[in-house]
Amino acid sequence: ALPIYTTTRWLGATFNHDPWFPIYSGKHRQAWTSCTQCHANSTNYREFTCLSCHLKTKTDGQHQGRSGYRYESIACLSCHPRGSA
């Protein structure tokens, strides 16, 4: 199950994201500065994007020959549920 935030706004939120998707450690460590970089809709944290950081040209190149590859955030999460290759 996805975690539930304990606040109704981003400001002041203290949420440990890493048990579900490591953004404070690993390759995503210090690669972002705000929750809104991935979660643009602050009223629905289940909406997310990978595409603001993982640009199409580079991502397409890294997935050449991968069956079923799509440049879509939900597809990214489907294949990389823990944020790793």
Protein backbone atom coordinates (compact mmCIF):
# COMPACT_ATOMS: atom_id res chain seq x y z
CA ALA A 1 0.00 0.00 0.00
CA LEU A 2 1.14 3.52 -0.68
CA PRO A 3 1.95 5.72 2.31
CA ILE A 4 -0.38 8.42 3.55
CA TYR A 5 0.93 11.92 4.25
CA THR A 6 0.02 13.33 7.62
CA THR A 7 -0.40 16.90 6.41
CA THR A 8 -2.66 18.52 3.86
CA ARG A 9 0.09 20.68 2.38
CA TRP A 10 3.71 20.20 1.30
CA LEU A 11 5.13 22.90 3.58
CA GLY A 12 6.14 21.30 6.85
CA ALA A 13 5.72 17.73 5.61
CA THR A 14 8.22 15.31 7.07
CA PHE A 15 7.85 12.07 5.20
CA ASN A 16 10.41 9.29 4.85
CA HIS A 17 10.02 8.37 1.20
CA ASP A 18 12.89 5.84 1.04
CA PRO A 19 11.07 2.68 2.17
CA TRP A 20 8.92 2.95 -0.97
CA PHE A 21 11.09 4.80 -3.49
CA PRO A 22 14.58 5.93 -2.46
CA ILE A 23 14.97 9.65 -3.09
CA TYR A 24 17.07 10.46 -0.02
CA SER A 25 19.62 7.76 -0.86
CA GLY A 26 21.05 6.01 -3.91
CA LYS A 27 21.16 7.68 -7.32
CA HIS A 28 18.32 10.08 -6.46
CA ARG A 29 20.18 11.45 -3.41
CA GLN A 30 20.58 15.23 -3.72
CA ALA A 31 19.23 15.14 -7.29
CA TRP A 32 16.08 17.07 -6.36
CA THR A 33 15.21 20.05 -4.17
CA SER A 34 11.42 19.94 -3.78
CA CYS A 35 8.61 17.37 -3.65
CA THR A 36 6.93 19.26 -6.49
CA GLN A 37 9.70 18.24 -8.90
CA CYS A 38 8.08 14.80 -9.04
CA HIS A 39 4.67 15.50 -7.50
CA ALA A 40 3.32 18.60 -9.28
CA ASN A 41 -0.21 18.18 -7.90
CA SER A 42 0.09 18.92 -4.17
CA THR A 43 -3.45 17.63 -3.57
CA ASN A 44 -2.68 14.16 -4.93
CA TYR A 45 0.77 12.75 -4.18
CA ARG A 46 -0.06 9.60 -6.19
CA GLU A 47 0.40 11.67 -9.34
CA PHE A 48 4.08 11.86 -10.24
CA THR A 49 6.49 12.38 -13.09
CA CYS A 50 9.91 10.95 -13.80
CA LEU A 51 10.20 12.91 -17.02
CA SER A 52 11.27 16.29 -15.64
CA CYS A 53 14.68 14.83 -14.72
CA HIS A 54 14.91 11.78 -16.99
CA LEU A 55 14.90 13.42 -20.41
CA LYS A 56 13.54 11.58 -23.45
CA THR A 57 16.65 11.44 -25.64
CA LYS A 58 18.88 9.95 -22.95
CA THR A 59 16.17 7.66 -21.57
CA ASP A 60 15.25 6.37 -25.03
CA GLY A 61 18.93 5.63 -25.68
CA GLN A 62 19.29 3.68 -22.44
CA HIS A 63 16.29 1.52 -23.32
CA GLN A 64 17.05 0.61 -26.94
CA GLY A 65 15.87 -2.93 -27.59
CA ARG A 66 13.82 -3.17 -24.38
CA SER A 67 10.51 -4.85 -25.12
CA GLY A 68 7.50 -2.79 -24.06
CA TYR A 69 9.50 0.35 -23.27
CA ARG A 70 7.43 3.54 -23.17
CA TYR A 71 8.56 7.03 -22.20
CA GLU A 72 5.82 7.44 -19.58
CA SER A 73 6.21 7.84 -15.83
CA ILE A 74 3.86 4.99 -14.93
CA ALA A 75 5.87 2.70 -17.24
CA CYS A 76 9.08 3.84 -15.52
CA LEU A 77 7.68 2.90 -12.11
CA SER A 78 6.40 -0.41 -13.45
CA CYS A 79 9.92 -1.49 -14.45
CA HIS A 80 11.81 0.42 -11.74
CA PRO A 81 9.60 0.26 -8.63
CA ARG A 82 12.57 0.98 -6.33
CA GLY A 83 14.11 3.61 -8.59
CA SER A 84 17.05 1.48 -9.71
CA ALA A 85 18.08 -0.02 -13.03
